Amino acid sequence: MLGQIVLKKFPKSLLLGNNWGVGIYGSSWNASRHFHKSCPCERFHEIDPKGEWRDEEGRARKKREFLVGKGLDDLYGIKTGFKDLRQEIGKWKNEWKEKLTDDSQLHLVHGDRDLVFNFKNKESLEQWTTLADSDHEQGFSKCQLTTSPAGKALFQGFISTTVPKDGRVKKAGYANMKCDRKMKSFYRESYYDWSAYTHLVMRVRGDGRSYILNLSVAGYFDITWNDIYHYVLFTRGGPYWQFVKIPFSKFVFASKGRVQDIQEEVPLHEIASVGISVGNIEGPFCLEIDYIGLEVDAMHTEEHAYEQYEMPKGIPNS
């Protein structure tokens, strides 16, 4: 039974670019450009959400060496624990206040827009993490997230498609920025609930490159850790800001970079995190972001933009 569930979740997948004739990165569409993809897991169970590259024993050893070097003994840990406990109890109280004072009759109307991420100061950048292939020793790309001269978020760096000569990496050249997972009190994982909205809106100033917007819907079980919805963010380049409005119905469902044969609607009540990726074309990149928000458009009635195909008998989900 469980094996059937696994087969249901991962049918024979397509690479975006091979069958659709479209690419992801760059200003033109062709079959040579596609999502970066991880190696398929040949085991029944994924050990870690980060994949096979993570060296847990090495990380734990370095952490122990750091603590011993700083003289951080068990007493320090106890003091820190009590401090965290007070903070988490405060968060728990605020959660209940919000729940009890929530107006269930409040509803959104056409044209309402709410900001989710407003990059107005350095503190707003702390909830975002940048990552490039060089951080995993899988390439030489670099990236950083800083404050621009205009006081906005500036995602910039250099994409290098040079493949390391280690006999292991076959393709290189990517960079990514991703917001931290939303958390409740006592370190409980939570989700963004965007079910009342129809569009993702952004105000950006780019360099002419195409970027990828990522909506992660990672769940509790390992089979969902790599479920992400993608859509292309085209930038014009030049000195002018551009307003971007993307329907959630246009996002494409993929797992480990492979677009799935069976497409599903974005579960807007279970958004784990948001990210922006760039890659494949060597050279510098620069994306300035003012805000990322949500909008209600009552005129948009489309539920899902992509066709659903009837699978032959004997194939799961047919």
Protein backbone atom coordinates (compact mmCIF):
# COMPACT_ATOMS: atom_id res chain seq x y z
CA MET A 1 0.00 0.00 0.00
CA LEU A 2 2.76 2.43 0.98
CA GLY A 3 4.65 1.55 -2.17
CA GLN A 4 1.60 2.56 -4.21
CA ILE A 5 1.56 5.92 -2.43
CA VAL A 6 5.17 6.50 -3.40
CA LEU A 7 4.39 5.64 -7.02
CA LYS A 8 1.42 7.97 -6.96
CA LYS A 9 3.55 10.83 -5.74
CA PHE A 10 6.39 10.38 -8.20
CA PRO A 11 5.13 9.23 -11.62
CA LYS A 12 7.38 9.36 -14.61
CA SER A 13 8.38 13.01 -14.69
CA LEU A 14 9.17 15.50 -17.38
CA LEU A 15 11.97 18.00 -17.56
CA LEU A 16 10.69 21.46 -18.32
CA GLY A 17 12.16 22.12 -21.73
CA ASN A 18 12.16 18.63 -23.22
CA ASN A 19 8.48 18.17 -24.02
CA TRP A 20 7.10 21.67 -23.72
CA GLY A 21 9.86 23.38 -25.67
CA VAL A 22 10.29 25.99 -22.98
CA GLY A 23 13.18 26.95 -20.77
CA ILE A 24 13.42 28.49 -17.35
CA TYR A 25 16.50 30.62 -17.10
CA GLY A 26 17.50 33.37 -19.48
CA SER A 27 15.60 35.69 -21.75
CA SER A 28 14.81 33.12 -24.48
CA TRP A 29 12.97 29.79 -24.38
CA ASN A 30 14.69 26.65 -25.59
CA ALA A 31 15.07 23.04 -24.65
CA SER A 32 18.62 23.34 -23.29
CA ARG A 33 17.49 25.27 -20.22
CA HIS A 34 15.68 23.57 -17.40
CA PHE A 35 15.32 23.31 -13.64
CA HIS A 36 18.36 22.22 -11.69
CA LYS A 37 17.50 18.80 -10.34
CA SER A 38 18.77 16.61 -7.53
CA CYS A 39 19.78 13.00 -7.96
CA PRO A 40 16.84 10.60 -7.53
CA CYS A 41 16.68 8.85 -4.19
CA GLU A 42 17.12 5.10 -4.68
CA ARG A 43 16.03 4.33 -1.13
CA PHE A 44 12.56 4.06 0.29
CA HIS A 45 13.14 6.89 2.76
CA GLU A 46 14.79 10.32 2.62
CA ILE A 47 17.10 10.81 5.61
CA ASP A 48 17.29 14.59 5.60
CA PRO A 49 15.43 17.42 3.82
CA LYS A 50 18.77 18.83 2.68
CA GLY A 51 19.65 15.73 0.69
CA GLU A 52 22.72 13.52 0.62
CA TRP A 53 25.37 16.24 0.78
CA ARG A 54 24.77 17.04 4.44
CA ASP A 55 27.43 15.68 6.79
CA GLU A 56 25.62 15.49 10.11
CA GLU A 57 28.50 13.93 12.02
CA GLY A 58 30.93 16.55 10.77
CA ARG A 59 28.55 19.38 11.60
CA ALA A 60 27.93 18.00 15.10
CA ARG A 61 31.68 17.60 15.69
CA LYS A 62 32.40 21.18 14.61
CA LYS A 63 29.61 22.44 16.87
CA ARG A 64 31.06 20.57 19.87
CA GLU A 65 34.54 21.91 19.15
CA PHE A 66 33.15 25.45 18.91
CA LEU A 67 31.32 25.17 22.24
CA VAL A 68 34.35 23.72 24.02
CA GLY A 69 36.59 26.41 22.56
CA LYS A 70 34.25 29.12 23.82
CA GLY A 71 33.96 27.52 27.24
CA LEU A 72 30.21 27.05 26.91
CA ASP A 73 29.46 24.37 29.48
CA ASP A 74 26.19 22.79 30.56
CA LEU A 75 25.43 25.70 32.92
CA TYR A 76 25.43 28.08 29.97
CA GLY A 77 23.00 25.81 28.17
CA ILE A 78 20.62 25.81 31.13
CA LYS A 79 20.66 29.61 31.37
CA THR A 80 20.02 29.93 27.66
CA GLY A 81 17.19 27.41 27.90
CA PHE A 82 15.35 29.41 30.57
CA LYS A 83 15.75 32.58 28.50
CA ASP A 84 14.28 30.85 25.42
CA LEU A 85 11.45 29.46 27.55
CA ARG A 86 10.35 32.96 28.57
CA GLN A 87 10.43 34.12 24.95
CA GLU A 88 8.44 31.13 23.71
CA ILE A 89 5.79 31.55 26.40
CA GLY A 90 5.41 35.17 25.27
CA LYS A 91 4.95 34.03 21.66
CA TRP A 92 2.37 31.45 22.78
CA LYS A 93 0.36 34.13 24.59
CA ASN A 94 0.39 36.38 21.52
CA GLU A 95 -0.81 33.49 19.35
CA TRP A 96 -3.83 32.95 21.58
CA LYS A 97 -4.61 36.66 21.69
CA GLU A 98 -4.65 36.77 17.88
CA LYS A 99 -6.83 33.67 17.72
CA LEU A 100 -9.37 34.97 20.26
CA THR A 101 -9.60 38.44 18.73
CA ASP A 102 -9.85 37.19 15.15
CA ASP A 103 -12.93 38.55 13.37
CA SER A 104 -14.37 35.61 11.46
CA GLN A 105 -16.70 37.97 9.60
CA LEU A 106 -13.81 39.91 8.12
CA HIS A 107 -13.39 39.17 4.42
CA LEU A 108 -11.34 40.53 1.58
CA VAL A 109 -12.81 42.32 -1.42
CA HIS A 110 -11.68 42.91 -4.97
CA GLY A 111 -8.48 44.95 -5.16
CA ASP A 112 -7.31 44.33 -1.59
CA ARG A 113 -3.55 43.97 -1.36
CA ASP A 114 -1.45 42.86 1.61
CA LEU A 115 2.34 42.89 1.95
CA VAL A 116 3.97 39.69 3.18
CA PHE A 117 7.63 40.69 2.87
CA ASN A 118 8.46 44.39 2.93
CA PHE A 119 12.17 45.00 2.46
CA LYS A 120 12.39 48.38 4.14
CA ASN A 121 15.36 47.84 6.50
CA LYS A 122 18.21 45.49 7.33
CA GLU A 123 16.11 43.63 9.92
CA SER A 124 13.72 42.49 7.17
CA LEU A 125 16.63 40.72 5.43
CA GLU A 126 17.47 38.56 8.46
CA GLN A 127 14.60 36.16 7.76
CA TRP A 128 16.08 35.31 4.35
CA THR A 129 18.93 32.93 3.54
CA THR A 130 21.05 32.91 0.37
CA LEU A 131 22.58 29.82 -1.16
CA ALA A 132 24.79 29.09 -4.18
CA ASP A 133 26.41 25.97 -5.58
CA SER A 134 29.75 27.01 -4.06
CA ASP A 135 28.24 26.67 -0.57
CA HIS A 136 27.88 22.92 -1.24
CA GLU A 137 31.25 22.67 -3.02
CA GLN A 138 29.31 21.93 -6.22
CA GLY A 139 30.40 24.97 -8.23
CA PHE A 140 31.84 28.46 -8.10
CA SER A 141 28.78 30.74 -8.10
CA LYS A 142 28.43 33.42 -5.43
CA CYS A 143 25.46 35.42 -4.16
CA GLN A 144 24.46 37.75 -1.36
CA LEU A 145 21.42 39.64 -0.11
CA THR A 146 22.15 43.20 0.96
CA THR A 147 20.49 46.59 1.18
CA SER A 148 20.52 48.64 -2.01
CA PRO A 149 21.30 52.39 -2.14
CA ALA A 150 17.53 52.92 -2.39
CA GLY A 151 17.00 51.05 0.89
CA LYS A 152 15.49 47.92 -0.70
CA ALA A 153 16.63 44.29 -0.84
CA LEU A 154 19.37 43.63 -3.39
CA PHE A 155 19.92 40.01 -4.47
CA GLN A 156 23.14 39.97 -6.46
CA GLY A 157 26.12 37.81 -7.28
CA PHE A 158 27.84 35.92 -10.09
CA ILE A 159 26.75 32.72 -11.82
CA SER A 160 29.56 30.41 -12.87
CA THR A 161 28.72 27.40 -15.02
CA THR A 162 32.21 25.91 -14.57
CA VAL A 163 31.85 22.35 -13.30
CA PRO A 164 34.23 21.24 -10.51
CA LYS A 165 36.60 18.49 -11.62
CA ASP A 166 35.64 16.06 -8.89
CA GLY A 167 33.93 13.44 -11.03
CA ARG A 168 30.71 13.88 -9.08
CA VAL A 169 29.08 17.14 -10.20
CA LYS A 170 27.74 17.17 -13.76
CA LYS A 171 26.15 20.62 -13.96
CA ALA A 172 26.74 23.86 -12.04
CA GLY A 173 25.59 27.45 -11.93
CA TYR A 174 22.77 28.46 -9.62
CA ALA A 175 21.97 30.82 -6.75
CA ASN A 176 18.92 31.10 -4.53
CA MET A 177 17.36 33.25 -1.82
CA LYS A 178 14.73 31.75 0.47
CA CYS A 179 12.76 32.98 3.45
CA ASP A 180 12.97 31.10 6.73
CA ARG A 181 10.23 28.67 7.61
CA LYS A 182 7.35 30.27 9.49
CA MET A 183 7.42 29.12 13.11
CA LYS A 184 4.99 29.06 16.00
CA SER A 185 5.93 29.15 19.67
CA PHE A 186 8.12 26.38 21.05
CA TYR A 187 9.74 25.92 17.64
CA ARG A 188 6.68 24.43 15.96
CA GLU A 189 6.61 24.64 12.19
CA SER A 190 3.74 26.59 10.68
CA TYR A 191 2.40 27.67 7.28
CA TYR A 192 1.32 30.83 5.52
CA ASP A 193 -2.39 30.77 4.73
CA TRP A 194 -2.97 32.59 1.43
CA SER A 195 -6.20 30.83 0.49
CA ALA A 196 -8.15 34.11 0.38
CA TYR A 197 -5.90 35.58 -2.34
CA THR A 198 -5.61 34.97 -6.08
CA HIS A 199 -2.34 36.63 -7.11
CA LEU A 200 1.24 37.05 -6.00
CA VAL A 201 2.44 40.63 -6.51
CA MET A 202 5.94 42.09 -6.46
CA ARG A 203 7.70 45.35 -7.16
CA VAL A 204 11.15 44.64 -8.55
CA ARG A 205 13.93 46.16 -10.60
CA GLY A 206 15.94 43.58 -12.51
CA ASP A 207 18.77 43.19 -14.99
CA GLY A 208 16.94 41.57 -17.89
CA ARG A 209 17.45 38.03 -16.63
CA SER A 210 14.67 35.57 -15.95
CA TYR A 211 14.34 34.34 -12.39
CA ILE A 212 12.30 31.53 -10.84
CA LEU A 213 9.73 32.07 -8.10
CA ASN A 214 9.45 29.11 -5.74
CA LEU A 215 6.55 28.33 -3.41
CA SER A 216 7.51 25.45 -1.12
CA VAL A 217 4.71 23.31 0.30
CA ALA A 218 6.93 20.91 2.24
CA GLY A 219 4.94 18.82 4.69
CA TYR A 220 5.72 16.50 7.58
CA PHE A 221 6.50 13.36 5.57
CA ASP A 222 9.68 13.03 3.53
CA ILE A 223 7.72 12.42 0.33
CA THR A 224 6.62 16.09 0.38
CA TRP A 225 9.91 17.73 1.39
CA ASN A 226 10.80 18.68 -2.18
CA ASP A 227 7.34 19.69 -3.42
CA ILE A 228 7.66 23.17 -4.92
CA TYR A 229 5.53 25.27 -7.25
CA HIS A 230 7.47 27.34 -9.81
CA TYR A 231 6.82 30.24 -12.10
CA VAL A 232 9.10 32.46 -14.19
CA LEU A 233 9.80 36.04 -13.15
CA PHE A 234 10.78 38.03 -16.24
CA THR A 235 12.65 41.29 -15.66
CA ARG A 236 13.07 44.11 -18.15
CA GLY A 237 16.31 45.61 -16.96
CA GLY A 238 17.00 49.32 -16.90
CA PRO A 239 16.47 51.95 -14.22
CA TYR A 240 12.69 51.64 -13.87
CA TRP A 241 10.72 49.62 -11.34
CA GLN A 242 8.24 47.05 -12.63
CA PHE A 243 5.10 45.75 -10.98
CA VAL A 244 4.59 41.98 -11.26
CA LYS A 245 1.22 40.28 -10.80
CA ILE A 246 1.14 36.48 -11.15
CA PRO A 247 -1.96 34.28 -10.65
CA PHE A 248 -1.41 31.32 -8.36
CA SER A 249 -3.20 29.20 -10.96
CA LYS A 250 -0.17 29.59 -13.28
CA PHE A 251 2.39 28.00 -10.95
CA VAL A 252 3.80 24.65 -12.10
CA PHE A 253 4.08 21.71 -9.69
CA ALA A 254 7.52 20.04 -9.53
CA SER A 255 9.57 17.87 -7.22
CA LYS A 256 13.37 17.91 -7.14
CA GLY A 257 13.32 20.04 -10.26
CA ARG A 258 11.18 17.60 -12.24
CA VAL A 259 7.86 18.90 -13.49
CA GLN A 260 5.22 16.33 -12.57
CA ASP A 261 2.95 14.72 -15.16
CA ILE A 262 -0.04 15.16 -12.87
CA GLN A 263 -0.38 18.86 -12.04
CA GLU A 264 -2.18 20.06 -8.92
CA GLU A 265 -3.46 23.39 -7.69
CA VAL A 266 -1.27 25.30 -5.25
CA PRO A 267 -2.39 24.46 -1.68
CA LEU A 268 -2.44 28.11 -0.61
CA HIS A 269 -3.19 27.24 3.01
CA GLU A 270 0.09 25.31 3.30
CA ILE A 271 2.82 27.63 1.97
CA ALA A 272 5.96 26.72 3.89
CA SER A 273 8.38 29.24 2.36
CA VAL A 274 9.04 31.52 -0.62
CA GLY A 275 12.21 31.66 -2.69
CA ILE A 276 13.79 33.16 -5.82
CA SER A 277 16.34 31.29 -7.94
CA VAL A 278 18.61 32.16 -10.85
CA GLY A 279 21.09 30.16 -12.87
CA ASN A 280 22.32 28.51 -16.08
CA ILE A 281 23.64 31.65 -17.81
CA GLU A 282 27.14 32.65 -16.72
CA GLY A 283 27.69 36.21 -15.61
CA PRO A 284 26.67 38.70 -12.93
CA PHE A 285 23.06 39.12 -11.84
CA CYS A 286 21.22 41.75 -9.84
CA LEU A 287 17.61 41.83 -8.64
CA GLU A 288 16.32 44.67 -6.45
CA ILE A 289 13.11 43.89 -4.54
CA ASP A 290 10.81 46.42 -2.90
CA TYR A 291 8.16 44.05 -1.58
CA ILE A 292 6.40 40.71 -2.07
CA GLY A 293 2.67 40.69 -1.43
CA LEU A 294 -0.74 39.21 -2.19
CA GLU A 295 -3.77 40.55 -4.02
CA VAL A 296 -7.43 39.64 -4.45
CA ASP A 297 -8.78 39.83 -7.98
CA ALA A 298 -12.46 38.90 -8.11
CA MET A 299 -12.34 38.91 -11.91
CA HIS A 300 -9.86 36.03 -11.93
CA THR A 301 -11.86 32.79 -11.86
CA GLU A 302 -9.29 30.36 -13.24
CA GLU A 303 -8.57 27.53 -10.81
CA HIS A 304 -5.77 25.79 -12.68
CA ALA A 305 -4.10 26.76 -15.95
CA TYR A 306 -2.79 23.38 -17.08
CA GLU A 307 -4.56 20.48 -18.75
CA GLN A 308 -5.06 17.22 -16.94
CA TYR A 309 -4.53 14.10 -19.03
CA GLU A 310 -6.33 10.82 -18.63
CA MET A 311 -3.68 8.23 -17.86
CA PRO A 312 -3.81 4.70 -19.34
CA LYS A 313 -5.26 2.01 -17.12
CA GLY A 314 -2.78 0.44 -14.75
CA ILE A 315 -0.92 3.70 -14.09
CA PRO A 316 -1.51 5.27 -10.64
CA ASN A 317 -3.92 8.23 -10.53
CA SER A 318 -5.63 7.04 -13.75
